[in-house]
PDB file of N, CA and C in Angstrom:
ATOM      1  N   ALA A   1    -216.699  80.765 -69.639  1.00  0.00           N
ATOM      2  CA  ALA A   1    -218.015  80.194 -69.873  1.00  0.00           C
ATOM      3  C   ALA A   1    -219.062  81.083 -69.233  1.00  0.00           C
ATOM      4  N   PRO A   2    -220.205  81.233 -69.875  1.00  0.00           N
ATOM      5  CA  PRO A   2    -221.264  82.060 -69.298  1.00  0.00           C
ATOM      6  C   PRO A   2    -221.710  81.514 -67.948  1.00  0.00           C
ATOM      7  N   GLY A   3    -221.847  82.399 -66.992  1.00  0.00           N
ATOM      8  CA  GLY A   3    -222.285  82.003 -65.657  1.00  0.00           C
ATOM      9  C   GLY A   3    -221.191  81.406 -64.798  1.00  0.00           C
ATOM     10  N   ALA A   4    -219.984  81.239 -65.362  1.00  0.00           N
ATOM     11  CA  ALA A   4    -218.882  80.677 -64.580  1.00  0.00           C
ATOM     12  C   ALA A   4    -218.375  81.721 -63.598  1.00  0.00           C
ATOM     13  N   CYS A   5    -217.886  81.243 -62.511  1.00  0.00           N
ATOM     14  CA  CYS A   5    -217.415  82.139 -61.456  1.00  0.00           C
ATOM     15  C   CYS A   5    -216.015  81.710 -61.050  1.00  0.00           C
ATOM     16  N   ALA A   6    -215.093  82.625 -61.067  1.00  0.00           N
ATOM     17  CA  ALA A   6    -213.726  82.319 -60.648  1.00  0.00           C
ATOM     18  C   ALA A   6    -213.596  82.595 -59.153  1.00  0.00           C
ATOM     19  N   LEU A   7    -212.883  81.730 -58.471  1.00  0.00           N
ATOM     20  CA  LEU A   7    -212.648  81.934 -57.049  1.00  0.00           C
ATOM     21  C   LEU A   7    -211.386  82.762 -56.875  1.00  0.00           C
ATOM     22  N   LEU A   8    -211.476  83.755 -56.044  1.00  0.00           N
ATOM     23  CA  LEU A   8    -210.316  84.577 -55.744  1.00  0.00           C
ATOM     24  C   LEU A   8    -209.772  84.162 -54.394  1.00  0.00           C
ATOM     25  N   SER A   9    -208.488  84.020 -54.305  1.00  0.00           N
ATOM     26  CA  SER A   9    -207.862  83.661 -53.041  1.00  0.00           C
ATOM     27  C   SER A   9    -207.272  84.913 -52.416  1.00  0.00           C
ATOM     28  N   THR A  10    -207.638  85.155 -51.185  1.00  0.00           N
ATOM     29  CA  THR A  10    -207.104  86.299 -50.456  1.00  0.00           C
ATOM     30  C   THR A  10    -206.365  85.775 -49.241  1.00  0.00           C
ATOM     31  N   PRO A  11    -205.161  86.277 -48.999  1.00  0.00           N
ATOM     32  CA  PRO A  11    -204.458  85.814 -47.805  1.00  0.00           C
ATOM     33  C   PRO A  11    -205.234  86.212 -46.561  1.00  0.00           C
ATOM     34  N   GLU A  12    -205.361  85.286 -45.638  1.00  0.00           N
ATOM     35  CA  GLU A  12    -206.073  85.571 -44.401  1.00  0.00           C
ATOM     36  C   GLU A  12    -205.099  85.606 -43.251  1.00  0.00           C
ATOM     37  N   PHE A  13    -205.458  86.354 -42.240  1.00  0.00           N
ATOM     38  CA  PHE A  13    -204.695  86.457 -41.013  1.00  0.00           C
ATOM     39  C   PHE A  13    -205.155  85.304 -40.138  1.00  0.00           C
ATOM     40  N   ASN A  14    -204.321  84.282 -39.967  1.00  0.00           N
ATOM     41  CA  ASN A  14    -204.720  83.093 -39.223  1.00  0.00           C
ATOM     42  C   ASN A  14    -204.783  83.397 -37.739  1.00  0.00           C
ATOM     43  N   THR A  15    -205.994  83.449 -37.197  1.00  0.00           N
ATOM     44  CA  THR A  15    -206.182  83.796 -35.789  1.00  0.00           C
ATOM     45  C   THR A  15    -206.460  82.577 -34.923  1.00  0.00           C
ATOM     46  N   ASP A  16    -206.570  81.398 -35.517  1.00  0.00           N
ATOM     47  CA  ASP A  16    -206.939  80.205 -34.756  1.00  0.00           C
ATOM     48  C   ASP A  16    -205.971  79.913 -33.611  1.00  0.00           C
ATOM     49  N   ASN A  17    -204.686  79.951 -33.886  1.00  0.00           N
ATOM     50  CA  ASN A  17    -203.688  79.640 -32.863  1.00  0.00           C
ATOM     51  C   ASN A  17    -202.942  80.878 -32.397  1.00  0.00           C
ATOM     52  N   PHE A  18    -203.503  82.032 -32.647  1.00  0.00           N
ATOM     53  CA  PHE A  18    -202.819  83.276 -32.302  1.00  0.00           C
ATOM     54  C   PHE A  18    -202.933  83.526 -30.809  1.00  0.00           C
ATOM     55  N   ARG A  19    -201.806  83.734 -30.164  1.00  0.00           N
ATOM     56  CA  ARG A  19    -201.817  84.046 -28.740  1.00  0.00           C
ATOM     57  C   ARG A  19    -200.608  84.882 -28.389  1.00  0.00           C
ATOM     58  N   ILE A  20    -200.715  85.566 -27.278  1.00  0.00           N
ATOM     59  CA  ILE A  20    -199.572  86.298 -26.744  1.00  0.00           C
ATOM     60  C   ILE A  20    -199.166  85.603 -25.452  1.00  0.00           C
ATOM     61  N   PHE A  21    -197.886  85.573 -25.193  1.00  0.00           N
ATOM     62  CA  PHE A  21    -197.408  84.917 -23.982  1.00  0.00           C
ATOM     63  C   PHE A  21    -196.047  85.463 -23.627  1.00  0.00           C
ATOM     64  N   PRO A  22    -195.616  85.464 -22.375  1.00  0.00           N
ATOM     65  CA  PRO A  22    -196.433  85.101 -21.219  1.00  0.00           C
ATOM     66  C   PRO A  22    -197.461  86.180 -20.928  1.00  0.00           C
ATOM     67  N   ASN A  23    -198.551  85.807 -20.349  1.00  0.00           N
ATOM     68  CA  ASN A  23    -199.604  86.761 -19.991  1.00  0.00           C
ATOM     69  C   ASN A  23    -200.295  86.250 -18.739  1.00  0.00           C
ATOM     70  N   PRO A  24    -200.072  86.897 -17.592  1.00  0.00           N
ATOM     71  CA  PRO A  24    -199.411  88.191 -17.369  1.00  0.00           C
ATOM     72  C   PRO A  24    -197.902  88.118 -17.603  1.00  0.00           C
ATOM     73  N   LEU A  25    -197.306  89.295 -17.820  1.00  0.00           N
ATOM     74  CA  LEU A  25    -195.891  89.341 -18.167  1.00  0.00           C
ATOM     75  C   LEU A  25    -195.118  90.310 -17.298  1.00  0.00           C
ATOM     76  N   ASN A  26    -193.801  90.130 -17.319  1.00  0.00           N
ATOM     77  CA  ASN A  26    -192.889  91.018 -16.609  1.00  0.00           C
ATOM     78  C   ASN A  26    -191.931  91.731 -17.547  1.00  0.00           C
ATOM     79  N   GLY A  27    -191.736  91.242 -18.762  1.00  0.00           N
ATOM     80  CA  GLY A  27    -190.746  91.828 -19.650  1.00  0.00           C
ATOM     81  C   GLY A  27    -191.201  91.950 -21.077  1.00  0.00           C
ATOM     82  N   ASN A  28    -191.072  90.880 -21.849  1.00  0.00           N
ATOM     83  CA  ASN A  28    -191.381  90.890 -23.283  1.00  0.00           C
ATOM     84  C   ASN A  28    -192.719  90.233 -23.571  1.00  0.00           C
ATOM     85  N   ILE A  29    -193.364  90.677 -24.636  1.00  0.00           N
ATOM     86  CA  ILE A  29    -194.516  89.959 -25.175  1.00  0.00           C
ATOM     87  C   ILE A  29    -193.979  89.093 -26.295  1.00  0.00           C
ATOM     88  N   LEU A  30    -194.276  87.834 -26.252  1.00  0.00           N
ATOM     89  CA  LEU A  30    -193.937  86.952 -27.364  1.00  0.00           C
ATOM     90  C   LEU A  30    -195.245  86.534 -28.007  1.00  0.00           C
ATOM     91  N   TYR A  31    -195.308  86.503 -29.322  1.00  0.00           N
ATOM     92  CA  TYR A  31    -196.557  86.120 -29.963  1.00  0.00           C
ATOM     93  C   TYR A  31    -196.299  85.184 -31.128  1.00  0.00           C
ATOM     94  N   TYR A  32    -197.264  84.357 -31.421  1.00  0.00           N
ATOM     95  CA  TYR A  32    -197.197  83.449 -32.552  1.00  0.00           C
ATOM     96  C   TYR A  32    -198.147  83.960 -33.625  1.00  0.00           C
ATOM     97  N   THR A  33    -197.721  83.926 -34.852  1.00  0.00           N
ATOM     98  CA  THR A  33    -198.588  84.373 -35.935  1.00  0.00           C
ATOM     99  C   THR A  33    -198.177  83.713 -37.239  1.00  0.00           C
ATOM    100  N   ALA A  34    -198.929  83.991 -38.279  1.00  0.00           N
ATOM    101  CA  ALA A  34    -198.569  83.517 -39.617  1.00  0.00           C
ATOM    102  C   ALA A  34    -197.283  84.208 -40.060  1.00  0.00           C
ATOM    103  N   ASP A  35    -196.669  83.686 -41.098  1.00  0.00           N
ATOM    104  CA  ASP A  35    -195.420  84.261 -41.594  1.00  0.00           C
ATOM    105  C   ASP A  35    -195.696  85.514 -42.409  1.00  0.00           C
ATOM    106  N   GLU A  36    -195.990  86.593 -41.734  1.00  0.00           N
ATOM    107  CA  GLU A  36    -196.197  87.866 -42.415  1.00  0.00           C
ATOM    108  C   GLU A  36    -195.841  88.995 -41.467  1.00  0.00           C
ATOM    109  N   SER A  37    -195.576  90.150 -42.031  1.00  0.00           N
ATOM    110  CA  SER A  37    -195.303  91.304 -41.185  1.00  0.00           C
ATOM    111  C   SER A  37    -196.615  91.787 -40.583  1.00  0.00           C
ATOM    112  N   LEU A  38    -196.515  92.443 -39.437  1.00  0.00           N
ATOM    113  CA  LEU A  38    -197.692  92.923 -38.724  1.00  0.00           C
ATOM    114  C   LEU A  38    -197.450  94.324 -38.206  1.00  0.00           C
ATOM    115  N   THR A  39    -198.513  95.075 -38.066  1.00  0.00           N
ATOM    116  CA  THR A  39    -198.456  96.314 -37.312  1.00  0.00           C
ATOM    117  C   THR A  39    -198.945  95.983 -35.911  1.00  0.00           C
ATOM    118  N   VAL A  40    -198.142  96.336 -34.907  1.00  0.00           N
ATOM    119  CA  VAL A  40    -198.492  96.050 -33.520  1.00  0.00           C
ATOM    120  C   VAL A  40    -198.702  97.374 -32.801  1.00  0.00           C
ATOM    121  N   LYS A  41    -199.850  97.504 -32.131  1.00  0.00           N
ATOM    122  CA  LYS A  41    -200.135  98.689 -31.328  1.00  0.00           C
ATOM    123  C   LYS A  41    -200.561  98.237 -29.946  1.00  0.00           C
ATOM    124  N   VAL A  42    -200.093  98.969 -28.925  1.00  0.00           N
ATOM    125  CA  VAL A  42    -200.480  98.696 -27.547  1.00  0.00           C
ATOM    126  C   VAL A  42    -201.160  99.943 -27.012  1.00  0.00           C
ATOM    127  N   PHE A  43    -202.319  99.739 -26.385  1.00  0.00           N
ATOM    128  CA  PHE A  43    -203.105 100.835 -25.824  1.00  0.00           C
ATOM    129  C   PHE A  43    -203.271 100.619 -24.329  1.00  0.00           C
ATOM    130  N   ASP A  44    -203.244 101.718 -23.557  1.00  0.00           N
ATOM    131  CA  ASP A  44    -203.547 101.585 -22.139  1.00  0.00           C
ATOM    132  C   ASP A  44    -205.054 101.433 -21.966  1.00  0.00           C
ATOM    133  N   ILE A  45    -205.503 101.268 -20.741  1.00  0.00           N
ATOM    134  CA  ILE A  45    -206.912 100.987 -20.482  1.00  0.00           C
ATOM    135  C   ILE A  45    -207.814 102.173 -20.849  1.00  0.00           C
ATOM    136  N   LEU A  46    -207.236 103.363 -20.969  1.00  0.00           N
ATOM    137  CA  LEU A  46    -208.007 104.545 -21.362  1.00  0.00           C
ATOM    138  C   LEU A  46    -208.033 104.739 -22.876  1.00  0.00           C
ATOM    139  N   GLY A  47    -207.348 103.861 -23.604  1.00  0.00           N
ATOM    140  CA  GLY A  47    -207.354 103.937 -25.062  1.00  0.00           C
ATOM    141  C   GLY A  47    -206.213 104.735 -25.661  1.00  0.00           C
ATOM    142  N   LYS A  48    -205.278 105.193 -24.830  1.00  0.00           N
ATOM    143  CA  LYS A  48    -204.125 105.946 -25.329  1.00  0.00           C
ATOM    144  C   LYS A  48    -203.090 104.970 -25.897  1.00  0.00           C
ATOM    145  N   GLU A  49    -202.631 105.253 -27.121  1.00  0.00           N
ATOM    146  CA  GLU A  49    -201.611 104.410 -27.743  1.00  0.00           C
ATOM    147  C   GLU A  49    -200.278 104.637 -27.046  1.00  0.00           C
ATOM    148  N   VAL A  50    -199.674 103.548 -26.533  1.00  0.00           N
ATOM    149  CA  VAL A  50    -198.407 103.652 -25.814  1.00  0.00           C
ATOM    150  C   VAL A  50    -197.262 102.956 -26.548  1.00  0.00           C
ATOM    151  N   PHE A  51    -197.585 102.244 -27.632  1.00  0.00           N
ATOM    152  CA  PHE A  51    -196.565 101.547 -28.411  1.00  0.00           C
ATOM    153  C   PHE A  51    -197.118 101.291 -29.804  1.00  0.00           C
ATOM    154  N   SER A  52    -196.289 101.491 -30.809  1.00  0.00           N
ATOM    155  CA  SER A  52    -196.691 101.183 -32.180  1.00  0.00           C
ATOM    156  C   SER A  52    -195.446 100.849 -32.982  1.00  0.00           C
ATOM    157  N   ARG A  53    -195.519  99.750 -33.723  1.00  0.00           N
ATOM    158  CA  ARG A  53    -194.359  99.356 -34.509  1.00  0.00           C
ATOM    159  C   ARG A  53    -194.784  98.395 -35.608  1.00  0.00           C
ATOM    160  N   GLN A  54    -194.101  98.481 -36.734  1.00  0.00           N
ATOM    161  CA  GLN A  54    -194.250  97.495 -37.813  1.00  0.00           C
ATOM    162  C   GLN A  54    -193.259  96.385 -37.514  1.00  0.00           C
ATOM    163  N   LYS A  55    -193.733  95.151 -37.472  1.00  0.00           N
ATOM    164  CA  LYS A  55    -192.867  94.024 -37.144  1.00  0.00           C
ATOM    165  C   LYS A  55    -192.687  93.137 -38.366  1.00  0.00           C
ATOM    166  N   ALA A  56    -191.465  92.679 -38.576  1.00  0.00           N
ATOM    167  CA  ALA A  56    -191.161  91.777 -39.687  1.00  0.00           C
ATOM    168  C   ALA A  56    -191.698  90.378 -39.387  1.00  0.00           C
ATOM    169  N   ALA A  57    -191.864  89.582 -40.425  1.00  0.00           N
ATOM    170  CA  ALA A  57    -192.424  88.233 -40.278  1.00  0.00           C
ATOM    171  C   ALA A  57    -191.584  87.350 -39.362  1.00  0.00           C
ATOM    172  N   ASP A  58    -190.265  87.561 -39.341  1.00  0.00           N
ATOM    173  CA  ASP A  58    -189.404  86.711 -38.516  1.00  0.00           C
ATOM    174  C   ASP A  58    -189.107  87.308 -37.145  1.00  0.00           C
ATOM    175  N   ASP A  59    -189.784  88.379 -36.783  1.00  0.00           N
ATOM    176  CA  ASP A  59    -189.586  89.048 -35.495  1.00  0.00           C
ATOM    177  C   ASP A  59    -190.790  88.726 -34.618  1.00  0.00           C
ATOM    178  N   ASN A  60    -190.621  87.833 -33.650  1.00  0.00           N
ATOM    179  CA  ASN A  60    -191.770  87.339 -32.901  1.00  0.00           C
ATOM    180  C   ASN A  60    -191.899  87.877 -31.482  1.00  0.00           C
ATOM    181  N   HIS A  61    -191.290  89.026 -31.181  1.00  0.00           N
ATOM    182  CA  HIS A  61    -191.458  89.583 -29.841  1.00  0.00           C
ATOM    183  C   HIS A  61    -191.363  91.104 -29.868  1.00  0.00           C
ATOM    184  N   ILE A  62    -191.953  91.708 -28.853  1.00  0.00           N
ATOM    185  CA  ILE A  62    -191.778  93.141 -28.635  1.00  0.00           C
ATOM    186  C   ILE A  62    -191.432  93.357 -27.176  1.00  0.00           C
ATOM    187  N   ASP A  63    -190.565  94.308 -26.920  1.00  0.00           N
ATOM    188  CA  ASP A  63    -190.128  94.613 -25.565  1.00  0.00           C
ATOM    189  C   ASP A  63    -191.026  95.698 -24.989  1.00  0.00           C
ATOM    190  N   VAL A  64    -191.771  95.363 -23.961  1.00  0.00           N
ATOM    191  CA  VAL A  64    -192.629  96.344 -23.291  1.00  0.00           C
ATOM    192  C   VAL A  64    -192.229  96.484 -21.825  1.00  0.00           C
ATOM    193  N   SER A  65    -190.966  96.213 -21.533  1.00  0.00           N
ATOM    194  CA  SER A  65    -190.498  96.300 -20.152  1.00  0.00           C
ATOM    195  C   SER A  65    -190.582  97.719 -19.612  1.00  0.00           C
ATOM    196  N   ASN A  66    -190.698  98.708 -20.506  1.00  0.00           N
ATOM    197  CA  ASN A  66    -190.797 100.096 -20.055  1.00  0.00           C
ATOM    198  C   ASN A  66    -192.225 100.493 -19.673  1.00  0.00           C
ATOM    199  N   LEU A  67    -193.219  99.638 -19.929  1.00  0.00           N
ATOM    200  CA  LEU A  67    -194.596  99.962 -19.562  1.00  0.00           C
ATOM    201  C   LEU A  67    -194.827  99.725 -18.077  1.00  0.00           C
ATOM    202  N   LYS A  68    -195.663 100.565 -17.485  1.00  0.00           N
ATOM    203  CA  LYS A  68    -196.016 100.408 -16.077  1.00  0.00           C
ATOM    204  C   LYS A  68    -196.950  99.218 -15.910  1.00  0.00           C
ATOM    205  N   ALA A  69    -197.053  98.725 -14.681  1.00  0.00           N
ATOM    206  CA  ALA A  69    -197.984  97.637 -14.384  1.00  0.00           C
ATOM    207  C   ALA A  69    -199.402  98.100 -14.689  1.00  0.00           C
ATOM    208  N   GLY A  70    -200.207  97.195 -15.245  1.00  0.00           N
ATOM    209  CA  GLY A  70    -201.587  97.535 -15.553  1.00  0.00           C
ATOM    210  C   GLY A  70    -202.148  96.642 -16.636  1.00  0.00           C
ATOM    211  N   VAL A  71    -203.319  97.023 -17.124  1.00  0.00           N
ATOM    212  CA  VAL A  71    -204.005  96.274 -18.174  1.00  0.00           C
ATOM    213  C   VAL A  71    -203.861  97.041 -19.480  1.00  0.00           C
ATOM    214  N   TYR A  72    -203.528  96.326 -20.541  1.00  0.00           N
ATOM    215  CA  TYR A  72    -203.322  96.920 -21.856  1.00  0.00           C
ATOM    216  C   TYR A  72    -204.089  96.126 -22.905  1.00  0.00           C
ATOM    217  N   ILE A  73    -204.346  96.768 -24.020  1.00  0.00           N
ATOM    218  CA  ILE A  73    -204.944  96.124 -25.178  1.00  0.00           C
ATOM    219  C   ILE A  73    -203.884  96.102 -26.275  1.00  0.00           C
ATOM    220  N   VAL A  74    -203.629  94.919 -26.830  1.00  0.00           N
ATOM    221  CA  VAL A  74    -202.642  94.765 -27.894  1.00  0.00           C
ATOM    222  C   VAL A  74    -203.396  94.449 -29.186  1.00  0.00           C
ATOM    223  N   GLN A  75    -203.118  95.248 -30.215  1.00  0.00           N
ATOM    224  CA  GLN A  75    -203.789  95.079 -31.508  1.00  0.00           C
ATOM    225  C   GLN A  75    -202.761  94.711 -32.565  1.00  0.00           C
ATOM    226  N   PHE A  76    -202.982  93.588 -33.218  1.00  0.00           N
ATOM    227  CA  PHE A  76    -202.137  93.127 -34.314  1.00  0.00           C
ATOM    228  C   PHE A  76    -202.935  93.296 -35.599  1.00  0.00           C
ATOM    229  N   THR A  77    -202.355  93.979 -36.590  1.00  0.00           N
ATOM    230  CA  THR A  77    -203.048  94.217 -37.855  1.00  0.00           C
ATOM    231  C   THR A  77    -202.202  93.696 -39.006  1.00  0.00           C
ATOM    232  N   SER A  78    -202.838  92.976 -39.905  1.00  0.00           N
ATOM    233  CA  SER A  78    -202.177  92.498 -41.117  1.00  0.00           C
ATOM    234  C   SER A  78    -202.242  93.599 -42.163  1.00  0.00           C
ATOM    235  N   PRO A  79    -201.093  94.151 -42.593  1.00  0.00           N
ATOM    236  CA  PRO A  79    -201.117  95.187 -43.622  1.00  0.00           C
ATOM    237  C   PRO A  79    -201.679  94.685 -44.953  1.00  0.00           C
ATOM    238  N   SER A  80    -201.535  93.396 -45.235  1.00  0.00           N
ATOM    239  CA  SER A  80    -201.984  92.868 -46.525  1.00  0.00           C
ATOM    240  C   SER A  80    -203.499  92.708 -46.607  1.00  0.00           C
ATOM    241  N   THR A  81    -204.160  92.400 -45.478  1.00  0.00           N
ATOM    242  CA  THR A  81    -205.606  92.162 -45.513  1.00  0.00           C
ATOM    243  C   THR A  81    -206.410  93.139 -44.670  1.00  0.00           C
ATOM    244  N   GLY A  82    -205.740  93.822 -43.735  1.00  0.00           N
ATOM    245  CA  GLY A  82    -206.455  94.702 -42.817  1.00  0.00           C
ATOM    246  C   GLY A  82    -207.088  93.956 -41.656  1.00  0.00           C
ATOM    247  N   ALA A  83    -206.951  92.624 -41.627  1.00  0.00           N
ATOM    248  CA  ALA A  83    -207.518  91.825 -40.538  1.00  0.00           C
ATOM    249  C   ALA A  83    -206.820  92.171 -39.231  1.00  0.00           C
ATOM    250  N   LYS A  84    -207.582  92.136 -38.129  1.00  0.00           N
ATOM    251  CA  LYS A  84    -207.037  92.500 -36.825  1.00  0.00           C
ATOM    252  C   LYS A  84    -207.290  91.411 -35.798  1.00  0.00           C
ATOM    253  N   VAL A  85    -206.348  91.293 -34.870  1.00  0.00           N
ATOM    254  CA  VAL A  85    -206.511  90.462 -33.685  1.00  0.00           C
ATOM    255  C   VAL A  85    -206.262  91.383 -32.505  1.00  0.00           C
ATOM    256  N   ILE A  86    -207.167  91.344 -31.535  1.00  0.00           N
ATOM    257  CA  ILE A  86    -207.040  92.195 -30.351  1.00  0.00           C
ATOM    258  C   ILE A  86    -206.984  91.295 -29.128  1.00  0.00           C
ATOM    259  N   LYS A  87    -205.978  91.527 -28.282  1.00  0.00           N
ATOM    260  CA  LYS A  87    -205.785  90.720 -27.078  1.00  0.00           C
ATOM    261  C   LYS A  87    -205.634  91.631 -25.865  1.00  0.00           C
ATOM    262  N   LYS A  88    -206.111  91.141 -24.726  1.00  0.00           N
ATOM    263  CA  LYS A  88    -205.899  91.849 -23.457  1.00  0.00           C
ATOM    264  C   LYS A  88    -204.593  91.358 -22.860  1.00  0.00           C
ATOM    265  N   LEU A  89    -203.817  92.286 -22.334  1.00  0.00           N
ATOM    266  CA  LEU A  89    -202.517  91.984 -21.753  1.00  0.00           C
ATOM    267  C   LEU A  89    -202.468  92.528 -20.334  1.00  0.00           C
ATOM    268  N   ILE A  90    -201.968  91.722 -19.407  1.00  0.00           N
ATOM    269  CA  ILE A  90    -201.775  92.178 -18.029  1.00  0.00           C
ATOM    270  C   ILE A  90    -200.286  92.279 -17.778  1.00  0.00           C
ATOM    271  N   LYS A  91    -199.837  93.469 -17.443  1.00  0.00           N
ATOM    272  CA  LYS A  91    -198.415  93.727 -17.144  1.00  0.00           C
ATOM    273  C   LYS A  91    -198.271  93.810 -15.638  1.00  0.00           C
ATOM    274  N   GLN A  92    -197.418  92.964 -15.063  1.00  0.00           N
ATOM    275  CA  GLN A  92    -197.237  92.949 -13.611  1.00  0.00           C
ATOM    276  C   GLN A  92    -196.139  93.877 -13.179  1.00  0.00           C
TER     277      GLN A  92
END
């Protein structure tokens, strides 16, 4: 119909309940997210990438026990939408 507009549905990266835990941590980062694969990157406080991995939808943790104590930035990216969630992480 003239002037009609179709709505397009795009999958969104649900950030409402997104969290990483435990934080501060001693071993693993566990995170909750939507059922989709994610790219996970960890950066030190100077911005150097110290970890990067593609994670499957059913894989809800990453092992960062090899990182030194300090403050890190964890970036989760949805490959399907490009949406990002960035969290601060304290490693004890």
